[in-house]
């Protein structure tokens, strides 16, 4: 009775690998984040932090701009 795993732990329906998160990031937002990242690689004096990337995205999300009505990712998602 020293079994450390719960019964059925290896069954396929109990596995949690490959489950997508609830938040899907729009492709345009991903492209912008990648662009900010590559700008920082091109000029290491002008690197973008996650906070700076989010502020740039929020500036584009103002009414009438490019990312209006698109849900922006959280700071932790940008860091990862």
PDB file of N, CA and C in Angstrom:
ATOM      1  N   UNK A   1       0.815  -1.200   0.000  1.00  0.00           N
ATOM      2  CA  UNK A   1       0.000   0.000   0.000  1.00  0.00           C
ATOM      3  C   UNK A   1       0.856   1.260   0.000  1.00  0.00           C
ATOM      4  N   UNK A   2       2.103   1.151  -0.384  1.00  0.00           N
ATOM      5  CA  UNK A   2       2.974   2.318  -0.477  1.00  0.00           C
ATOM      6  C   UNK A   2       3.019   2.844  -1.906  1.00  0.00           C
ATOM      7  N   UNK A   3       1.903   2.810  -2.571  1.00  0.00           N
ATOM      8  CA  UNK A   3       1.827   3.294  -3.947  1.00  0.00           C
ATOM      9  C   UNK A   3       1.661   4.813  -3.917  1.00  0.00           C
ATOM     10  N   UNK A   4       2.608   5.533  -4.509  1.00  0.00           N
ATOM     11  CA  UNK A   4       2.639   6.987  -4.389  1.00  0.00           C
ATOM     12  C   UNK A   4       1.789   7.705  -5.429  1.00  0.00           C
ATOM     13  N   UNK A   5       1.423   7.030  -6.490  1.00  0.00           N
ATOM     14  CA  UNK A   5       0.615   7.662  -7.528  1.00  0.00           C
ATOM     15  C   UNK A   5      -0.848   7.310  -7.324  1.00  0.00           C
ATOM     16  N   UNK A   6      -1.717   8.227  -7.683  1.00  0.00           N
ATOM     17  CA  UNK A   6      -3.148   7.940  -7.573  1.00  0.00           C
ATOM     18  C   UNK A   6      -3.545   6.955  -8.665  1.00  0.00           C
ATOM     19  N   UNK A   7      -4.534   6.140  -8.421  1.00  0.00           N
ATOM     20  CA  UNK A   7      -4.963   5.179  -9.437  1.00  0.00           C
ATOM     21  C   UNK A   7      -5.424   5.900 -10.702  1.00  0.00           C
ATOM     22  N   UNK A   8      -5.007   5.410 -11.835  1.00  0.00           N
ATOM     23  CA  UNK A   8      -5.411   5.985 -13.113  1.00  0.00           C
ATOM     24  C   UNK A   8      -4.575   7.160 -13.558  1.00  0.00           C
ATOM     25  N   UNK A   9      -3.429   7.395 -12.930  1.00  0.00           N
ATOM     26  CA  UNK A   9      -2.614   8.563 -13.263  1.00  0.00           C
ATOM     27  C   UNK A   9      -2.054   8.497 -14.679  1.00  0.00           C
ATOM     28  N   UNK A  10      -1.899   7.310 -15.237  1.00  0.00           N
ATOM     29  CA  UNK A  10      -1.308   7.182 -16.565  1.00  0.00           C
ATOM     30  C   UNK A  10      -2.346   7.097 -17.679  1.00  0.00           C
ATOM     31  N   UNK A  11      -3.614   7.119 -17.342  1.00  0.00           N
ATOM     32  CA  UNK A  11      -4.636   7.045 -18.374  1.00  0.00           C
ATOM     33  C   UNK A  11      -4.617   8.302 -19.231  1.00  0.00           C
ATOM     34  N   UNK A  12      -4.848   8.121 -20.525  1.00  0.00           N
ATOM     35  CA  UNK A  12      -4.760   9.228 -21.461  1.00  0.00           C
ATOM     36  C   UNK A  12      -5.737  10.358 -21.119  1.00  0.00           C
ATOM     37  N   UNK A  13      -6.932  10.027 -20.663  1.00  0.00           N
ATOM     38  CA  UNK A  13      -7.904  11.078 -20.359  1.00  0.00           C
ATOM     39  C   UNK A  13      -7.524  11.887 -19.124  1.00  0.00           C
ATOM     40  N   UNK A  14      -6.588  11.411 -18.317  1.00  0.00           N
ATOM     41  CA  UNK A  14      -6.151  12.148 -17.131  1.00  0.00           C
ATOM     42  C   UNK A  14      -4.907  12.993 -17.383  1.00  0.00           C
ATOM     43  N   UNK A  15      -4.303  12.869 -18.554  1.00  0.00           N
ATOM     44  CA  UNK A  15      -3.094  13.632 -18.856  1.00  0.00           C
ATOM     45  C   UNK A  15      -3.458  15.073 -19.174  1.00  0.00           C
ATOM     46  N   UNK A  16      -2.582  15.984 -18.787  1.00  0.00           N
ATOM     47  CA  UNK A  16      -2.836  17.407 -18.984  1.00  0.00           C
ATOM     48  C   UNK A  16      -1.832  18.042 -19.934  1.00  0.00           C
ATOM     49  N   UNK A  17      -1.117  17.240 -20.696  1.00  0.00           N
ATOM     50  CA  UNK A  17      -0.123  17.772 -21.618  1.00  0.00           C
ATOM     51  C   UNK A  17      -0.799  18.261 -22.888  1.00  0.00           C
ATOM     52  N   UNK A  18      -0.326  19.360 -23.410  1.00  0.00           N
ATOM     53  CA  UNK A  18      -0.821  19.865 -24.676  1.00  0.00           C
ATOM     54  C   UNK A  18      -2.141  20.606 -24.598  1.00  0.00           C
ATOM     55  N   UNK A  19      -2.625  20.877 -23.416  1.00  0.00           N
ATOM     56  CA  UNK A  19      -3.871  21.624 -23.282  1.00  0.00           C
ATOM     57  C   UNK A  19      -3.556  23.098 -23.503  1.00  0.00           C
ATOM     58  N   UNK A  20      -4.254  23.710 -24.433  1.00  0.00           N
ATOM     59  CA  UNK A  20      -3.999  25.111 -24.738  1.00  0.00           C
ATOM     60  C   UNK A  20      -4.585  25.996 -23.649  1.00  0.00           C
ATOM     61  N   UNK A  21      -3.939  27.119 -23.467  1.00  0.00           N
ATOM     62  CA  UNK A  21      -4.442  28.063 -22.472  1.00  0.00           C
ATOM     63  C   UNK A  21      -5.726  28.711 -22.984  1.00  0.00           C
ATOM     64  N   UNK A  22      -6.437  29.338 -22.087  1.00  0.00           N
ATOM     65  CA  UNK A  22      -7.700  29.971 -22.442  1.00  0.00           C
ATOM     66  C   UNK A  22      -7.478  31.224 -23.284  1.00  0.00           C
ATOM     67  N   UNK A  23      -6.321  31.834 -23.121  1.00  0.00           N
ATOM     68  CA  UNK A  23      -6.037  33.081 -23.821  1.00  0.00           C
ATOM     69  C   UNK A  23      -5.265  32.768 -25.100  1.00  0.00           C
ATOM     70  N   UNK A  24      -5.824  33.146 -26.217  1.00  0.00           N
ATOM     71  CA  UNK A  24      -5.150  33.011 -27.493  1.00  0.00           C
ATOM     72  C   UNK A  24      -4.672  34.398 -27.913  1.00  0.00           C
ATOM     73  N   UNK A  25      -3.389  34.535 -28.146  1.00  0.00           N
ATOM     74  CA  UNK A  25      -2.833  35.827 -28.527  1.00  0.00           C
ATOM     75  C   UNK A  25      -2.999  35.993 -30.037  1.00  0.00           C
ATOM     76  N   UNK A  26      -3.501  37.140 -30.444  1.00  0.00           N
ATOM     77  CA  UNK A  26      -3.723  37.432 -31.852  1.00  0.00           C
ATOM     78  C   UNK A  26      -2.374  37.480 -32.571  1.00  0.00           C
ATOM     79  N   UNK A  27      -2.350  37.006 -33.819  1.00  0.00           N
ATOM     80  CA  UNK A  27      -1.098  36.936 -34.577  1.00  0.00           C
ATOM     81  C   UNK A  27      -0.436  38.301 -34.731  1.00  0.00           C
ATOM     82  N   UNK A  28      -1.226  39.346 -34.893  1.00  0.00           N
ATOM     83  CA  UNK A  28      -0.652  40.692 -35.049  1.00  0.00           C
ATOM     84  C   UNK A  28       0.085  41.122 -33.780  1.00  0.00           C
ATOM     85  N   UNK A  29      -0.444  40.773 -32.614  1.00  0.00           N
ATOM     86  CA  UNK A  29       0.214  41.114 -31.347  1.00  0.00           C
ATOM     87  C   UNK A  29       1.524  40.345 -31.229  1.00  0.00           C
ATOM     88  N   UNK A  30       1.518  39.077 -31.621  1.00  0.00           N
ATOM     89  CA  UNK A  30       2.748  38.277 -31.588  1.00  0.00           C
ATOM     90  C   UNK A  30       3.794  38.878 -32.513  1.00  0.00           C
ATOM     91  N   UNK A  31       3.374  39.318 -33.705  1.00  0.00           N
ATOM     92  CA  UNK A  31       4.312  39.943 -34.639  1.00  0.00           C
ATOM     93  C   UNK A  31       4.915  41.214 -34.054  1.00  0.00           C
ATOM     94  N   UNK A  32       4.102  42.011 -33.388  1.00  0.00           N
ATOM     95  CA  UNK A  32       4.616  43.244 -32.788  1.00  0.00           C
ATOM     96  C   UNK A  32       5.603  42.949 -31.663  1.00  0.00           C
ATOM     97  N   UNK A  33       5.288  41.974 -30.810  1.00  0.00           N
ATOM     98  CA  UNK A  33       6.189  41.614 -29.713  1.00  0.00           C
ATOM     99  C   UNK A  33       7.509  41.090 -30.267  1.00  0.00           C
ATOM    100  N   UNK A  34       7.443  40.266 -31.310  1.00  0.00           N
ATOM    101  CA  UNK A  34       8.670  39.762 -31.928  1.00  0.00           C
ATOM    102  C   UNK A  34       9.475  40.903 -32.537  1.00  0.00           C
ATOM    103  N   UNK A  35       8.784  41.870 -33.126  1.00  0.00           N
ATOM    104  CA  UNK A  35       9.469  43.032 -33.690  1.00  0.00           C
ATOM    105  C   UNK A  35      10.195  43.836 -32.626  1.00  0.00           C
ATOM    106  N   UNK A  36       9.550  44.051 -31.481  1.00  0.00           N
ATOM    107  CA  UNK A  36      10.203  44.761 -30.377  1.00  0.00           C
ATOM    108  C   UNK A  36      11.421  43.984 -29.890  1.00  0.00           C
ATOM    109  N   UNK A  37      11.292  42.673 -29.829  1.00  0.00           N
ATOM    110  CA  UNK A  37      12.404  41.833 -29.380  1.00  0.00           C
ATOM    111  C   UNK A  37      13.582  41.929 -30.346  1.00  0.00           C
ATOM    112  N   UNK A  38      13.287  41.871 -31.652  1.00  0.00           N
ATOM    113  CA  UNK A  38      14.364  41.925 -32.641  1.00  0.00           C
ATOM    114  C   UNK A  38      15.005  43.311 -32.717  1.00  0.00           C
ATOM    115  N   UNK A  39      14.236  44.351 -32.454  1.00  0.00           N
ATOM    116  CA  UNK A  39      14.827  45.690 -32.389  1.00  0.00           C
ATOM    117  C   UNK A  39      15.845  45.770 -31.261  1.00  0.00           C
ATOM    118  N   UNK A  40      15.538  45.141 -30.145  1.00  0.00           N
ATOM    119  CA  UNK A  40      16.476  45.113 -29.028  1.00  0.00           C
ATOM    120  C   UNK A  40      17.716  44.306 -29.341  1.00  0.00           C
ATOM    121  N   UNK A  41      17.585  43.259 -30.152  1.00  0.00           N
ATOM    122  CA  UNK A  41      18.752  42.477 -30.553  1.00  0.00           C
ATOM    123  C   UNK A  41      19.624  43.249 -31.533  1.00  0.00           C
ATOM    124  N   UNK A  42      19.006  44.042 -32.402  1.00  0.00           N
ATOM    125  CA  UNK A  42      19.762  44.804 -33.384  1.00  0.00           C
ATOM    126  C   UNK A  42      20.552  45.930 -32.722  1.00  0.00           C
ATOM    127  N   UNK A  43      19.959  46.583 -31.742  1.00  0.00           N
ATOM    128  CA  UNK A  43      20.621  47.680 -31.042  1.00  0.00           C
ATOM    129  C   UNK A  43      20.506  47.411 -29.546  1.00  0.00           C
ATOM    130  N   UNK A  44      21.560  46.889 -28.957  1.00  0.00           N
ATOM    131  CA  UNK A  44      21.477  46.479 -27.554  1.00  0.00           C
ATOM    132  C   UNK A  44      21.344  47.655 -26.591  1.00  0.00           C
ATOM    133  N   UNK A  45      21.532  48.887 -27.071  1.00  0.00           N
ATOM    134  CA  UNK A  45      21.306  50.054 -26.221  1.00  0.00           C
ATOM    135  C   UNK A  45      19.823  50.402 -26.133  1.00  0.00           C
ATOM    136  N   UNK A  46      19.039  49.852 -27.036  1.00  0.00           N
ATOM    137  CA  UNK A  46      17.609  50.169 -27.093  1.00  0.00           C
ATOM    138  C   UNK A  46      16.776  48.905 -26.903  1.00  0.00           C
ATOM    139  N   UNK A  47      17.083  48.141 -25.867  1.00  0.00           N
ATOM    140  CA  UNK A  47      16.334  46.907 -25.601  1.00  0.00           C
ATOM    141  C   UNK A  47      14.972  47.229 -24.995  1.00  0.00           C
ATOM    142  N   UNK A  48      14.004  46.415 -25.358  1.00  0.00           N
ATOM    143  CA  UNK A  48      12.654  46.554 -24.826  1.00  0.00           C
ATOM    144  C   UNK A  48      12.467  45.591 -23.669  1.00  0.00           C
ATOM    145  N   UNK A  49      12.012  46.103 -22.541  1.00  0.00           N
ATOM    146  CA  UNK A  49      11.628  45.234 -21.431  1.00  0.00           C
ATOM    147  C   UNK A  49      10.183  44.807 -21.671  1.00  0.00           C
ATOM    148  N   UNK A  50       9.724  43.839 -20.904  1.00  0.00           N
ATOM    149  CA  UNK A  50       8.338  43.384 -21.048  1.00  0.00           C
ATOM    150  C   UNK A  50       7.367  44.517 -20.727  1.00  0.00           C
ATOM    151  N   UNK A  51       7.715  45.338 -19.742  1.00  0.00           N
ATOM    152  CA  UNK A  51       6.857  46.462 -19.372  1.00  0.00           C
ATOM    153  C   UNK A  51       6.779  47.484 -20.502  1.00  0.00           C
ATOM    154  N   UNK A  52       7.909  47.731 -21.149  1.00  0.00           N
ATOM    155  CA  UNK A  52       7.942  48.692 -22.249  1.00  0.00           C
ATOM    156  C   UNK A  52       7.168  48.164 -23.458  1.00  0.00           C
ATOM    157  N   UNK A  53       7.291  46.852 -23.714  1.00  0.00           N
ATOM    158  CA  UNK A  53       6.521  46.250 -24.808  1.00  0.00           C
ATOM    159  C   UNK A  53       5.028  46.386 -24.548  1.00  0.00           C
ATOM    160  N   UNK A  54       4.610  46.128 -23.304  1.00  0.00           N
ATOM    161  CA  UNK A  54       3.190  46.227 -22.968  1.00  0.00           C
ATOM    162  C   UNK A  54       2.696  47.661 -23.098  1.00  0.00           C
ATOM    163  N   UNK A  55       3.501  48.631 -22.698  1.00  0.00           N
ATOM    164  CA  UNK A  55       3.075  50.029 -22.825  1.00  0.00           C
ATOM    165  C   UNK A  55       2.943  50.430 -24.292  1.00  0.00           C
ATOM    166  N   UNK A  56       3.824  49.927 -25.153  1.00  0.00           N
ATOM    167  CA  UNK A  56       3.714  50.198 -26.591  1.00  0.00           C
ATOM    168  C   UNK A  56       2.447  49.570 -27.161  1.00  0.00           C
ATOM    169  N   UNK A  57       2.144  48.336 -26.730  1.00  0.00           N
ATOM    170  CA  UNK A  57       0.926  47.670 -27.194  1.00  0.00           C
ATOM    171  C   UNK A  57      -0.314  48.405 -26.703  1.00  0.00           C
ATOM    172  N   UNK A  58      -0.274  48.895 -25.466  1.00  0.00           N
ATOM    173  CA  UNK A  58      -1.414  49.640 -24.927  1.00  0.00           C
ATOM    174  C   UNK A  58      -1.611  50.952 -25.670  1.00  0.00           C
ATOM    175  N   UNK A  59      -0.519  51.563 -26.123  1.00  0.00           N
ATOM    176  CA  UNK A  59      -0.634  52.790 -26.906  1.00  0.00           C
ATOM    177  C   UNK A  59      -1.305  52.511 -28.250  1.00  0.00           C
ATOM    178  N   UNK A  60      -1.058  51.337 -28.810  1.00  0.00           N
ATOM    179  CA  UNK A  60      -1.703  50.964 -30.069  1.00  0.00           C
ATOM    180  C   UNK A  60      -3.149  50.517 -29.866  1.00  0.00           C
ATOM    181  N   UNK A  61      -3.522  50.218 -28.638  1.00  0.00           N
ATOM    182  CA  UNK A  61      -4.875  49.741 -28.353  1.00  0.00           C
ATOM    183  C   UNK A  61      -5.846  50.872 -28.032  1.00  0.00           C
ATOM    184  N   UNK A  62      -5.376  52.103 -28.060  1.00  0.00           N
ATOM    185  CA  UNK A  62      -6.249  53.250 -27.804  1.00  0.00           C
ATOM    186  C   UNK A  62      -7.290  53.325 -28.922  1.00  0.00           C
ATOM    187  N   UNK A  63      -8.436  53.830 -28.595  1.00  0.00           N
ATOM    188  CA  UNK A  63      -9.555  53.897 -29.538  1.00  0.00           C
ATOM    189  C   UNK A  63      -9.134  54.459 -30.895  1.00  0.00           C
ATOM    190  N   UNK A  64      -9.455  53.716 -31.939  1.00  0.00           N
ATOM    191  CA  UNK A  64      -9.155  54.150 -33.292  1.00  0.00           C
ATOM    192  C   UNK A  64      -7.790  53.745 -33.793  1.00  0.00           C
ATOM    193  N   UNK A  65      -6.997  53.094 -32.969  1.00  0.00           N
ATOM    194  CA  UNK A  65      -5.659  52.684 -33.400  1.00  0.00           C
ATOM    195  C   UNK A  65      -5.685  51.248 -33.901  1.00  0.00           C
ATOM    196  N   UNK A  66      -4.513  50.710 -34.171  1.00  0.00           N
ATOM    197  CA  UNK A  66      -4.368  49.407 -34.812  1.00  0.00           C
ATOM    198  C   UNK A  66      -4.927  48.251 -33.987  1.00  0.00           C
ATOM    199  N   UNK A  67      -4.716  48.245 -32.682  1.00  0.00           N
ATOM    200  CA  UNK A  67      -5.108  47.112 -31.845  1.00  0.00           C
ATOM    201  C   UNK A  67      -6.373  47.374 -31.040  1.00  0.00           C
ATOM    202  N   UNK A  68      -7.203  48.281 -31.512  1.00  0.00           N
ATOM    203  CA  UNK A  68      -8.439  48.594 -30.788  1.00  0.00           C
ATOM    204  C   UNK A  68      -9.333  47.361 -30.732  1.00  0.00           C
ATOM    205  N   UNK A  69      -9.895  47.081 -29.602  1.00  0.00           N
ATOM    206  CA  UNK A  69     -10.812  45.962 -29.315  1.00  0.00           C
ATOM    207  C   UNK A  69     -10.137  44.595 -29.357  1.00  0.00           C
ATOM    208  N   UNK A  70      -8.820  44.545 -29.249  1.00  0.00           N
ATOM    209  CA  UNK A  70      -8.097  43.272 -29.165  1.00  0.00           C
ATOM    210  C   UNK A  70      -7.604  43.112 -27.737  1.00  0.00           C
ATOM    211  N   UNK A  71      -7.816  41.924 -27.174  1.00  0.00           N
ATOM    212  CA  UNK A  71      -7.375  41.668 -25.801  1.00  0.00           C
ATOM    213  C   UNK A  71      -5.855  41.515 -25.773  1.00  0.00           C
ATOM    214  N   UNK A  72      -5.193  42.343 -24.986  1.00  0.00           N
ATOM    215  CA  UNK A  72      -3.737  42.313 -24.907  1.00  0.00           C
ATOM    216  C   UNK A  72      -3.278  41.283 -23.879  1.00  0.00           C
ATOM    217  N   UNK A  73      -2.103  40.694 -24.095  1.00  0.00           N
ATOM    218  CA  UNK A  73      -1.593  39.712 -23.127  1.00  0.00           C
ATOM    219  C   UNK A  73      -1.127  40.392 -21.846  1.00  0.00           C
ATOM    220  N   UNK A  74      -1.048  39.614 -20.787  1.00  0.00           N
ATOM    221  CA  UNK A  74      -0.558  40.122 -19.508  1.00  0.00           C
ATOM    222  C   UNK A  74       0.962  40.207 -19.546  1.00  0.00           C
ATOM    223  N   UNK A  75       1.529  40.921 -18.586  1.00  0.00           N
ATOM    224  CA  UNK A  75       2.974  41.136 -18.531  1.00  0.00           C
ATOM    225  C   UNK A  75       3.729  39.820 -18.371  1.00  0.00           C
ATOM    226  N   UNK A  76       3.173  38.880 -17.623  1.00  0.00           N
ATOM    227  CA  UNK A  76       3.842  37.594 -17.400  1.00  0.00           C
ATOM    228  C   UNK A  76       3.931  36.791 -18.695  1.00  0.00           C
ATOM    229  N   UNK A  77       2.913  36.882 -19.531  1.00  0.00           N
ATOM    230  CA  UNK A  77       2.928  36.173 -20.812  1.00  0.00           C
ATOM    231  C   UNK A  77       3.986  36.778 -21.720  1.00  0.00           C
ATOM    232  N   UNK A  78       4.124  38.092 -21.714  1.00  0.00           N
ATOM    233  CA  UNK A  78       5.144  38.745 -22.540  1.00  0.00           C
ATOM    234  C   UNK A  78       6.536  38.360 -22.058  1.00  0.00           C
ATOM    235  N   UNK A  79       6.739  38.269 -20.757  1.00  0.00           N
ATOM    236  CA  UNK A  79       8.050  37.886 -20.224  1.00  0.00           C
ATOM    237  C   UNK A  79       8.457  36.492 -20.676  1.00  0.00           C
ATOM    238  N   UNK A  80       7.504  35.589 -20.746  1.00  0.00           N
ATOM    239  CA  UNK A  80       7.817  34.212 -21.134  1.00  0.00           C
ATOM    240  C   UNK A  80       8.026  34.104 -22.613  1.00  0.00           C
TER     241      UNK A  80
END
